[in-house]
Amino acid sequence: LFEKGTVTCKFEHSTLRAKPGDLYLINSHEVHETRCSRDAVYLCVHILPSRMCLYVPEFDQLQFSLAYDPEDEEKAEAYRQLQNHMEAILLQTKENPQAYWLEQHAHLFSAAALLVKHFSQAMPLEERNLQRSDMNRLEPLLEEVQLRHGEDLSLDWACGELGLNKEYFCRLF
């Protein structure tokens, strides 16, 4: 969810420039790049498929898209609800009330449910198999990055963790 400043997101064959209130969804297998100004305020949520598979076993086999026909009132309402959940999470990060983690997780689970119910479809089998093997290889590294999110982690460190050369790691990642 974008609030202010300048954010440009490039993925697949698109370049998007965020406007306040915009939501973007990038699937885990899509190569992307995000650039933002120093004054940018936005919420970026990473959903680990391996964690979501605890609740939706085929989560890692789904592809997501926020595109919908504006005439589809059910999806339009689901999109508004998704926006509301993201806005609430962004607001909570600023206020940091005592029940912050509980409220944040409630909103995240509600948003994930909306994504699965209204904005997902099964991924083609060949793409699914390729993504699963790549994610299985990267999963330990992604978990380590989450645990060490405040530290200065380098590309050399990441490559060393997986035993890969930089070029291959960058293509894989």
N, C-alpha and C. Protein backbone atom coordinates (compact mmCIF):
# COMPACT_ATOMS: atom_id res chain seq x y z
N LEU A 1 0.86 -1.17 0.00
CA LEU A 1 0.00 0.00 0.00
C LEU A 1 0.90 1.23 0.00
N PHE A 2 0.66 2.13 -0.91
CA PHE A 2 1.45 3.35 -1.04
C PHE A 2 0.72 4.51 -0.40
N GLU A 3 1.47 5.33 0.38
CA GLU A 3 0.85 6.47 1.04
C GLU A 3 1.38 7.80 0.51
N LYS A 4 2.73 7.98 0.45
CA LYS A 4 3.26 9.26 -0.05
C LYS A 4 4.69 9.09 -0.54
N GLY A 5 5.21 10.14 -1.19
CA GLY A 5 6.55 10.09 -1.76
C GLY A 5 6.47 9.57 -3.19
N THR A 6 7.54 8.96 -3.65
CA THR A 6 7.57 8.38 -5.00
C THR A 6 8.02 6.94 -4.91
N VAL A 7 7.24 6.06 -5.50
CA VAL A 7 7.60 4.65 -5.56
C VAL A 7 7.35 4.18 -6.99
N THR A 8 8.38 3.57 -7.57
CA THR A 8 8.27 2.99 -8.91
C THR A 8 8.57 1.51 -8.79
N CYS A 9 7.72 0.71 -9.37
CA CYS A 9 7.90 -0.73 -9.30
C CYS A 9 7.95 -1.28 -10.72
N LYS A 10 9.01 -2.02 -11.01
CA LYS A 10 9.16 -2.67 -12.31
C LYS A 10 9.07 -4.17 -12.09
N PHE A 11 8.19 -4.82 -12.84
CA PHE A 11 8.13 -6.27 -12.79
C PHE A 11 7.54 -6.78 -14.09
N GLU A 12 8.01 -8.00 -14.42
CA GLU A 12 7.65 -8.61 -15.69
C GLU A 12 7.92 -7.57 -16.80
N HIS A 13 6.88 -7.14 -17.49
CA HIS A 13 7.07 -6.19 -18.59
C HIS A 13 6.36 -4.87 -18.29
N SER A 14 6.21 -4.54 -17.02
CA SER A 14 5.47 -3.35 -16.62
C SER A 14 6.30 -2.46 -15.71
N THR A 15 6.04 -1.16 -15.81
CA THR A 15 6.58 -0.18 -14.88
C THR A 15 5.39 0.57 -14.31
N LEU A 16 5.27 0.57 -12.99
CA LEU A 16 4.15 1.22 -12.34
C LEU A 16 4.66 2.30 -11.41
N ARG A 17 4.02 3.44 -11.44
CA ARG A 17 4.34 4.53 -10.53
C ARG A 17 3.16 4.66 -9.57
N ALA A 18 3.44 4.49 -8.30
CA ALA A 18 2.38 4.42 -7.29
C ALA A 18 1.73 5.78 -7.07
N LYS A 19 0.44 5.69 -6.79
CA LYS A 19 -0.36 6.84 -6.37
C LYS A 19 -0.91 6.51 -4.98
N PRO A 20 -1.18 7.52 -4.16
CA PRO A 20 -1.69 7.22 -2.81
C PRO A 20 -2.90 6.28 -2.86
N GLY A 21 -2.84 5.25 -1.99
CA GLY A 21 -3.91 4.27 -1.92
C GLY A 21 -3.72 3.06 -2.83
N ASP A 22 -2.72 3.13 -3.73
CA ASP A 22 -2.49 2.01 -4.65
C ASP A 22 -2.03 0.76 -3.91
N LEU A 23 -2.49 -0.37 -4.41
CA LEU A 23 -2.02 -1.67 -3.94
C LEU A 23 -1.38 -2.37 -5.12
N TYR A 24 -0.23 -2.98 -4.89
CA TYR A 24 0.43 -3.80 -5.91
C TYR A 24 0.67 -5.17 -5.32
N LEU A 25 0.54 -6.16 -6.15
CA LEU A 25 0.80 -7.52 -5.72
C LEU A 25 1.80 -8.13 -6.69
N ILE A 26 2.88 -8.65 -6.14
CA ILE A 26 3.91 -9.28 -6.96
C ILE A 26 4.07 -10.71 -6.46
N ASN A 27 3.84 -11.66 -7.33
CA ASN A 27 3.99 -13.06 -6.96
C ASN A 27 5.45 -13.37 -6.68
N SER A 28 5.69 -14.36 -5.82
CA SER A 28 7.05 -14.65 -5.37
C SER A 28 7.97 -15.08 -6.50
N HIS A 29 7.44 -15.58 -7.60
CA HIS A 29 8.30 -16.03 -8.70
C HIS A 29 8.55 -14.94 -9.74
N GLU A 30 7.98 -13.76 -9.56
CA GLU A 30 8.14 -12.68 -10.53
C GLU A 30 9.37 -11.84 -10.19
N VAL A 31 10.23 -11.66 -11.17
CA VAL A 31 11.39 -10.80 -10.97
C VAL A 31 10.89 -9.37 -10.92
N HIS A 32 11.34 -8.61 -9.93
CA HIS A 32 10.87 -7.24 -9.78
C HIS A 32 11.93 -6.36 -9.15
N GLU A 33 11.69 -5.07 -9.28
CA GLU A 33 12.59 -4.06 -8.71
C GLU A 33 11.72 -2.92 -8.21
N THR A 34 12.05 -2.38 -7.04
CA THR A 34 11.30 -1.27 -6.48
C THR A 34 12.27 -0.15 -6.14
N ARG A 35 11.93 1.05 -6.52
CA ARG A 35 12.73 2.24 -6.19
C ARG A 35 11.80 3.25 -5.53
N CYS A 36 12.31 3.87 -4.46
CA CYS A 36 11.46 4.84 -3.78
C CYS A 36 12.28 6.03 -3.32
N SER A 37 11.58 7.15 -3.17
CA SER A 37 12.23 8.36 -2.68
C SER A 37 12.44 8.23 -1.17
N ARG A 38 13.31 9.08 -0.63
CA ARG A 38 13.61 9.03 0.81
C ARG A 38 12.38 9.34 1.66
N ASP A 39 11.46 10.14 1.13
CA ASP A 39 10.28 10.52 1.90
C ASP A 39 9.10 9.57 1.68
N ALA A 40 9.34 8.48 0.96
CA ALA A 40 8.25 7.55 0.65
C ALA A 40 7.74 6.87 1.92
N VAL A 41 6.43 6.75 2.00
CA VAL A 41 5.78 6.00 3.07
C VAL A 41 4.90 4.96 2.39
N TYR A 42 5.23 3.70 2.65
CA TYR A 42 4.44 2.62 2.05
C TYR A 42 4.56 1.38 2.91
N LEU A 43 3.64 0.47 2.71
CA LEU A 43 3.64 -0.79 3.41
C LEU A 43 3.99 -1.88 2.42
N CYS A 44 4.98 -2.67 2.76
CA CYS A 44 5.40 -3.79 1.93
C CYS A 44 5.23 -5.06 2.77
N VAL A 45 4.41 -5.97 2.31
CA VAL A 45 4.15 -7.20 3.04
C VAL A 45 4.68 -8.37 2.22
N HIS A 46 5.54 -9.17 2.83
CA HIS A 46 6.05 -10.39 2.19
C HIS A 46 5.34 -11.56 2.84
N ILE A 47 4.71 -12.37 2.02
CA ILE A 47 4.01 -13.55 2.52
C ILE A 47 4.82 -14.77 2.11
N LEU A 48 5.32 -15.50 3.07
CA LEU A 48 6.09 -16.71 2.77
C LEU A 48 5.12 -17.87 2.48
N PRO A 49 5.17 -18.38 1.26
CA PRO A 49 4.26 -19.49 0.91
C PRO A 49 4.38 -20.68 1.87
N SER A 50 5.58 -20.99 2.32
CA SER A 50 5.76 -22.13 3.22
C SER A 50 4.97 -21.96 4.52
N ARG A 51 4.88 -20.73 5.01
CA ARG A 51 4.11 -20.48 6.23
C ARG A 51 2.61 -20.55 5.96
N MET A 52 2.19 -20.01 4.81
CA MET A 52 0.77 -20.01 4.49
C MET A 52 0.25 -21.40 4.18
N CYS A 53 1.15 -22.30 3.77
CA CYS A 53 0.74 -23.69 3.49
C CYS A 53 0.25 -24.39 4.75
N LEU A 54 0.57 -23.87 5.93
CA LEU A 54 0.04 -24.42 7.17
C LEU A 54 -1.48 -24.24 7.24
N TYR A 55 -1.98 -23.21 6.58
CA TYR A 55 -3.40 -22.87 6.64
C TYR A 55 -4.13 -23.21 5.33
N VAL A 56 -3.44 -23.05 4.22
CA VAL A 56 -3.98 -23.37 2.89
C VAL A 56 -2.93 -24.26 2.23
N PRO A 57 -3.10 -25.59 2.31
CA PRO A 57 -2.04 -26.50 1.84
C PRO A 57 -1.53 -26.23 0.43
N GLU A 58 -2.37 -25.76 -0.47
CA GLU A 58 -1.93 -25.53 -1.85
C GLU A 58 -1.53 -24.07 -2.10
N PHE A 59 -1.29 -23.30 -1.04
CA PHE A 59 -0.97 -21.88 -1.19
C PHE A 59 0.20 -21.66 -2.15
N ASP A 60 1.23 -22.50 -2.06
CA ASP A 60 2.41 -22.32 -2.91
C ASP A 60 2.14 -22.69 -4.37
N GLN A 61 0.94 -23.17 -4.66
CA GLN A 61 0.56 -23.52 -6.03
C GLN A 61 -0.39 -22.49 -6.64
N LEU A 62 -0.57 -21.39 -5.92
CA LEU A 62 -1.49 -20.35 -6.39
C LEU A 62 -0.72 -19.17 -6.98
N GLN A 63 -1.36 -18.53 -7.92
CA GLN A 63 -0.87 -17.30 -8.54
C GLN A 63 -1.90 -16.23 -8.21
N PHE A 64 -1.44 -15.04 -7.91
CA PHE A 64 -2.35 -13.99 -7.48
C PHE A 64 -2.34 -12.80 -8.44
N SER A 65 -3.50 -12.16 -8.59
CA SER A 65 -3.60 -10.96 -9.39
C SER A 65 -4.72 -10.09 -8.82
N LEU A 66 -4.45 -8.81 -8.68
CA LEU A 66 -5.46 -7.88 -8.18
C LEU A 66 -6.33 -7.32 -9.30
N ALA A 67 -6.05 -7.71 -10.54
CA ALA A 67 -6.85 -7.23 -11.68
C ALA A 67 -8.25 -7.83 -11.61
N TYR A 68 -9.24 -7.01 -11.85
CA TYR A 68 -10.63 -7.49 -11.87
C TYR A 68 -11.49 -6.54 -12.68
N ASP A 69 -12.61 -7.04 -13.11
CA ASP A 69 -13.59 -6.25 -13.86
C ASP A 69 -14.33 -5.35 -12.87
N PRO A 70 -14.31 -4.03 -13.05
CA PRO A 70 -14.99 -3.13 -12.11
C PRO A 70 -16.48 -3.43 -11.95
N GLU A 71 -17.06 -4.11 -12.94
CA GLU A 71 -18.47 -4.48 -12.85
C GLU A 71 -18.70 -5.64 -11.86
N ASP A 72 -17.65 -6.35 -11.52
CA ASP A 72 -17.73 -7.47 -10.59
C ASP A 72 -17.75 -6.89 -9.17
N GLU A 73 -18.97 -6.70 -8.66
CA GLU A 73 -19.13 -6.03 -7.36
C GLU A 73 -18.51 -6.81 -6.21
N GLU A 74 -18.53 -8.13 -6.29
CA GLU A 74 -17.94 -8.95 -5.21
C GLU A 74 -16.43 -8.73 -5.13
N LYS A 75 -15.77 -8.73 -6.29
CA LYS A 75 -14.31 -8.50 -6.29
C LYS A 75 -13.99 -7.06 -5.93
N ALA A 76 -14.80 -6.13 -6.40
CA ALA A 76 -14.56 -4.72 -6.06
C ALA A 76 -14.65 -4.52 -4.55
N GLU A 77 -15.61 -5.17 -3.91
CA GLU A 77 -15.75 -5.07 -2.46
C GLU A 77 -14.57 -5.77 -1.76
N ALA A 78 -14.15 -6.91 -2.28
CA ALA A 78 -13.00 -7.62 -1.71
C ALA A 78 -11.74 -6.75 -1.81
N TYR A 79 -11.57 -6.04 -2.94
CA TYR A 79 -10.43 -5.15 -3.12
C TYR A 79 -10.47 -4.02 -2.09
N ARG A 80 -11.65 -3.43 -1.89
CA ARG A 80 -11.79 -2.36 -0.88
C ARG A 80 -11.44 -2.88 0.52
N GLN A 81 -11.90 -4.09 0.83
CA GLN A 81 -11.57 -4.67 2.13
C GLN A 81 -10.07 -4.91 2.27
N LEU A 82 -9.45 -5.37 1.19
CA LEU A 82 -8.00 -5.58 1.20
C LEU A 82 -7.28 -4.26 1.45
N GLN A 83 -7.71 -3.21 0.77
CA GLN A 83 -7.14 -1.87 0.99
C GLN A 83 -7.30 -1.45 2.45
N ASN A 84 -8.48 -1.67 3.00
CA ASN A 84 -8.74 -1.28 4.39
C ASN A 84 -7.82 -2.02 5.36
N HIS A 85 -7.60 -3.31 5.12
CA HIS A 85 -6.69 -4.07 5.99
C HIS A 85 -5.27 -3.52 5.90
N MET A 86 -4.81 -3.21 4.70
CA MET A 86 -3.45 -2.69 4.54
C MET A 86 -3.33 -1.30 5.17
N GLU A 87 -4.34 -0.48 5.02
CA GLU A 87 -4.32 0.85 5.64
C GLU A 87 -4.27 0.73 7.16
N ALA A 88 -5.02 -0.22 7.71
CA ALA A 88 -5.02 -0.41 9.16
C ALA A 88 -3.65 -0.87 9.65
N ILE A 89 -3.00 -1.75 8.90
CA ILE A 89 -1.67 -2.21 9.29
C ILE A 89 -0.68 -1.05 9.24
N LEU A 90 -0.74 -0.25 8.18
CA LEU A 90 0.16 0.90 8.06
C LEU A 90 -0.06 1.87 9.22
N LEU A 91 -1.30 2.13 9.57
CA LEU A 91 -1.61 3.01 10.69
C LEU A 91 -1.06 2.43 12.00
N GLN A 92 -1.20 1.12 12.19
CA GLN A 92 -0.72 0.48 13.41
C GLN A 92 0.80 0.57 13.54
N THR A 93 1.50 0.54 12.42
CA THR A 93 2.96 0.64 12.49
C THR A 93 3.38 2.02 12.99
N LYS A 94 2.53 3.02 12.77
CA LYS A 94 2.84 4.37 13.22
C LYS A 94 2.48 4.56 14.69
N GLU A 95 1.36 3.97 15.12
CA GLU A 95 0.88 4.19 16.48
C GLU A 95 1.48 3.21 17.48
N ASN A 96 1.74 1.99 17.05
CA ASN A 96 2.34 0.94 17.88
C ASN A 96 1.64 0.76 19.23
N PRO A 97 0.32 0.47 19.20
CA PRO A 97 -0.40 0.25 20.46
C PRO A 97 0.02 -1.08 21.12
N GLN A 98 -0.44 -1.28 22.33
CA GLN A 98 -0.06 -2.47 23.10
C GLN A 98 -0.44 -3.77 22.38
N ALA A 99 -1.56 -3.78 21.70
CA ALA A 99 -2.03 -4.99 21.01
C ALA A 99 -1.61 -5.03 19.54
N TYR A 100 -0.56 -4.29 19.22
CA TYR A 100 -0.10 -4.14 17.83
C TYR A 100 0.04 -5.47 17.09
N TRP A 101 0.77 -6.43 17.66
CA TRP A 101 1.04 -7.69 16.94
C TRP A 101 -0.23 -8.48 16.70
N LEU A 102 -1.10 -8.51 17.69
CA LEU A 102 -2.36 -9.24 17.51
C LEU A 102 -3.21 -8.60 16.42
N GLU A 103 -3.33 -7.29 16.47
CA GLU A 103 -4.14 -6.58 15.47
C GLU A 103 -3.52 -6.73 14.08
N GLN A 104 -2.20 -6.59 14.01
CA GLN A 104 -1.52 -6.71 12.72
C GLN A 104 -1.75 -8.10 12.11
N HIS A 105 -1.57 -9.14 12.90
CA HIS A 105 -1.76 -10.49 12.40
C HIS A 105 -3.21 -10.76 12.01
N ALA A 106 -4.15 -10.21 12.75
CA ALA A 106 -5.56 -10.36 12.38
C ALA A 106 -5.81 -9.76 10.99
N HIS A 107 -5.27 -8.57 10.76
CA HIS A 107 -5.44 -7.93 9.45
C HIS A 107 -4.71 -8.71 8.35
N LEU A 108 -3.51 -9.21 8.66
CA LEU A 108 -2.76 -9.97 7.65
C LEU A 108 -3.48 -11.26 7.27
N PHE A 109 -4.02 -11.97 8.24
CA PHE A 109 -4.75 -13.20 7.93
C PHE A 109 -6.02 -12.90 7.15
N SER A 110 -6.72 -11.82 7.50
CA SER A 110 -7.92 -11.44 6.75
C SER A 110 -7.57 -11.08 5.31
N ALA A 111 -6.46 -10.35 5.15
CA ALA A 111 -6.02 -9.98 3.79
C ALA A 111 -5.64 -11.23 2.99
N ALA A 112 -4.92 -12.16 3.62
CA ALA A 112 -4.54 -13.40 2.93
C ALA A 112 -5.78 -14.19 2.53
N ALA A 113 -6.78 -14.23 3.38
CA ALA A 113 -8.02 -14.94 3.05
C ALA A 113 -8.70 -14.29 1.84
N LEU A 114 -8.72 -12.97 1.80
CA LEU A 114 -9.31 -12.28 0.64
C LEU A 114 -8.53 -12.60 -0.63
N LEU A 115 -7.20 -12.61 -0.53
CA LEU A 115 -6.37 -12.93 -1.70
C LEU A 115 -6.67 -14.33 -2.22
N VAL A 116 -6.72 -15.29 -1.32
CA VAL A 116 -6.97 -16.68 -1.73
C VAL A 116 -8.37 -16.82 -2.32
N LYS A 117 -9.35 -16.23 -1.67
CA LYS A 117 -10.74 -16.40 -2.08
C LYS A 117 -11.08 -15.67 -3.37
N HIS A 118 -10.55 -14.46 -3.54
CA HIS A 118 -11.01 -13.62 -4.65
C HIS A 118 -9.96 -13.33 -5.73
N PHE A 119 -8.69 -13.47 -5.42
CA PHE A 119 -7.66 -13.00 -6.35
C PHE A 119 -6.61 -14.06 -6.68
N SER A 120 -6.98 -15.33 -6.62
CA SER A 120 -6.00 -16.38 -6.90
C SER A 120 -6.52 -17.35 -7.96
N GLN A 121 -5.57 -18.02 -8.57
CA GLN A 121 -5.88 -19.12 -9.48
C GLN A 121 -4.72 -20.11 -9.41
N ALA A 122 -4.99 -21.35 -9.81
CA ALA A 122 -3.94 -22.38 -9.76
C ALA A 122 -2.84 -22.04 -10.77
N MET A 123 -1.61 -22.21 -10.35
CA MET A 123 -0.45 -21.97 -11.20
C MET A 123 -0.29 -23.16 -12.16
N PRO A 124 0.13 -22.90 -13.42
CA PRO A 124 0.38 -24.02 -14.34
C PRO A 124 1.38 -25.00 -13.73
N LEU A 125 1.19 -26.31 -13.99
CA LEU A 125 1.98 -27.35 -13.36
C LEU A 125 3.48 -27.19 -13.54
N GLU A 126 3.95 -26.90 -14.77
CA GLU A 126 5.39 -26.79 -14.99
C GLU A 126 5.99 -25.61 -14.24
N GLU A 127 5.27 -24.52 -14.17
CA GLU A 127 5.74 -23.35 -13.42
C GLU A 127 5.74 -23.65 -11.93
N ARG A 128 4.75 -24.38 -11.47
CA ARG A 128 4.63 -24.77 -10.07
C ARG A 128 5.82 -25.61 -9.62
N ASN A 129 6.18 -26.60 -10.43
CA ASN A 129 7.30 -27.47 -10.07
C ASN A 129 8.62 -26.71 -10.03
N LEU A 130 8.85 -25.82 -10.99
CA LEU A 130 10.07 -25.02 -11.03
C LEU A 130 10.14 -24.10 -9.82
N GLN A 131 9.03 -23.42 -9.53
CA GLN A 131 9.01 -22.49 -8.40
C GLN A 131 9.21 -23.23 -7.09
N ARG A 132 8.58 -24.39 -6.92
CA ARG A 132 8.71 -25.13 -5.67
C ARG A 132 10.17 -25.52 -5.41
N SER A 133 10.87 -26.00 -6.44
CA SER A 133 12.26 -26.40 -6.22
C SER A 133 13.13 -25.19 -5.90
N ASP A 134 12.89 -24.06 -6.59
CA ASP A 134 13.64 -22.83 -6.29
C ASP A 134 13.36 -22.36 -4.87
N MET A 135 12.09 -22.36 -4.48
CA MET A 135 11.72 -21.88 -3.15
C MET A 135 12.25 -22.80 -2.06
N ASN A 136 12.23 -24.10 -2.31
CA ASN A 136 12.78 -25.03 -1.32
C ASN A 136 14.25 -24.72 -1.08
N ARG A 137 14.95 -24.36 -2.12
CA ARG A 137 16.37 -24.04 -1.99
C ARG A 137 16.60 -22.71 -1.28
N LEU A 138 15.71 -21.74 -1.53
CA LEU A 138 15.88 -20.41 -0.95
C LEU A 138 15.26 -20.26 0.45
N GLU A 139 14.34 -21.12 0.80
CA GLU A 139 13.59 -20.98 2.04
C GLU A 139 14.47 -20.80 3.29
N PRO A 140 15.50 -21.62 3.50
CA PRO A 140 16.34 -21.42 4.70
C PRO A 140 17.00 -20.03 4.73
N LEU A 141 17.41 -19.55 3.57
CA LEU A 141 18.03 -18.23 3.49
C LEU A 141 17.00 -17.15 3.82
N LEU A 142 15.80 -17.25 3.27
CA LEU A 142 14.75 -16.26 3.52
C LEU A 142 14.40 -16.21 5.01
N GLU A 143 14.34 -17.36 5.64
CA GLU A 143 14.05 -17.38 7.08
C GLU A 143 15.18 -16.74 7.88
N GLU A 144 16.41 -16.99 7.48
CA GLU A 144 17.57 -16.39 8.16
C GLU A 144 17.56 -14.87 7.98
N VAL A 145 17.22 -14.40 6.79
CA VAL A 145 17.13 -12.95 6.53
C VAL A 145 16.07 -12.33 7.43
N GLN A 146 14.92 -13.00 7.58
CA GLN A 146 13.88 -12.47 8.46
C GLN A 146 14.37 -12.38 9.90
N LEU A 147 15.08 -13.39 10.35
CA LEU A 147 15.59 -13.39 11.72
C LEU A 147 16.62 -12.29 11.94
N ARG A 148 17.37 -11.95 10.89
CA ARG A 148 18.46 -10.98 11.00
C ARG A 148 18.13 -9.68 10.27
N HIS A 149 16.84 -9.31 10.18
CA HIS A 149 16.41 -8.18 9.36
C HIS A 149 17.06 -6.85 9.70
N GLY A 150 17.54 -6.67 10.91
CA GLY A 150 18.16 -5.40 11.28
C GLY A 150 19.65 -5.33 10.98
N GLU A 151 20.21 -6.45 10.54
CA GLU A 151 21.66 -6.52 10.30
C GLU A 151 21.99 -6.15 8.85
N ASP A 152 23.22 -5.78 8.64
CA ASP A 152 23.72 -5.46 7.30
C ASP A 152 24.17 -6.76 6.63
N LEU A 153 23.30 -7.33 5.80
CA LEU A 153 23.59 -8.60 5.15
C LEU A 153 24.04 -8.34 3.71
N SER A 154 25.06 -9.04 3.27
CA SER A 154 25.62 -8.78 1.94
C SER A 154 25.26 -9.89 0.96
N LEU A 155 25.45 -9.58 -0.31
CA LEU A 155 25.27 -10.57 -1.37
C LEU A 155 26.26 -11.71 -1.17
N ASP A 156 27.49 -11.39 -0.81
CA ASP A 156 28.50 -12.42 -0.55
C ASP A 156 28.04 -13.37 0.56
N TRP A 157 27.47 -12.81 1.62
CA TRP A 157 26.98 -13.63 2.72
C TRP A 157 25.89 -14.58 2.21
N ALA A 158 24.91 -14.03 1.46
CA ALA A 158 23.79 -14.85 0.96
C ALA A 158 24.30 -15.97 0.06
N CYS A 159 25.22 -15.65 -0.84
CA CYS A 159 25.78 -16.66 -1.74
C CYS A 159 26.51 -17.74 -0.95
N GLY A 160 27.23 -17.32 0.07
CA GLY A 160 27.95 -18.27 0.91
C GLY A 160 27.01 -19.20 1.67
N GLU A 161 25.87 -18.64 2.13
CA GLU A 161 24.90 -19.46 2.85
C GLU A 161 24.37 -20.60 1.99
N LEU A 162 24.20 -20.33 0.69
CA LEU A 162 23.65 -21.35 -0.21
C LEU A 162 24.72 -22.08 -1.01
N GLY A 163 25.97 -21.59 -0.93
CA GLY A 163 27.04 -22.22 -1.69
C GLY A 163 26.91 -22.01 -3.19
N LEU A 164 26.48 -20.81 -3.58
CA LEU A 164 26.28 -20.50 -5.00
C LEU A 164 27.16 -19.33 -5.41
N ASN A 165 27.49 -19.27 -6.72
CA ASN A 165 28.20 -18.08 -7.19
C ASN A 165 27.19 -16.94 -7.34
N LYS A 166 27.69 -15.71 -7.39
CA LYS A 166 26.82 -14.53 -7.40
C LYS A 166 25.86 -14.51 -8.59
N GLU A 167 26.37 -14.79 -9.77
CA GLU A 167 25.53 -14.73 -10.97
C GLU A 167 24.35 -15.69 -10.87
N TYR A 168 24.62 -16.93 -10.48
CA TYR A 168 23.55 -17.92 -10.38
C TYR A 168 22.58 -17.54 -9.26
N PHE A 169 23.11 -17.10 -8.12
CA PHE A 169 22.26 -16.72 -7.00
C PHE A 169 21.30 -15.59 -7.42
N CYS A 170 21.83 -14.59 -8.11
CA CYS A 170 20.99 -13.44 -8.51
C CYS A 170 19.88 -13.88 -9.47
N ARG A 171 20.18 -14.78 -10.38
CA ARG A 171 19.14 -15.29 -11.29
C ARG A 171 18.10 -16.07 -10.49
N LEU A 172 18.55 -16.91 -9.58
CA LEU A 172 17.65 -17.74 -8.78
C LEU A 172 16.79 -16.88 -7.88
N PHE A 173 17.42 -15.91 -7.22
CA PHE A 173 16.71 -15.08 -6.26
C PHE A 173 15.74 -14.14 -6.96
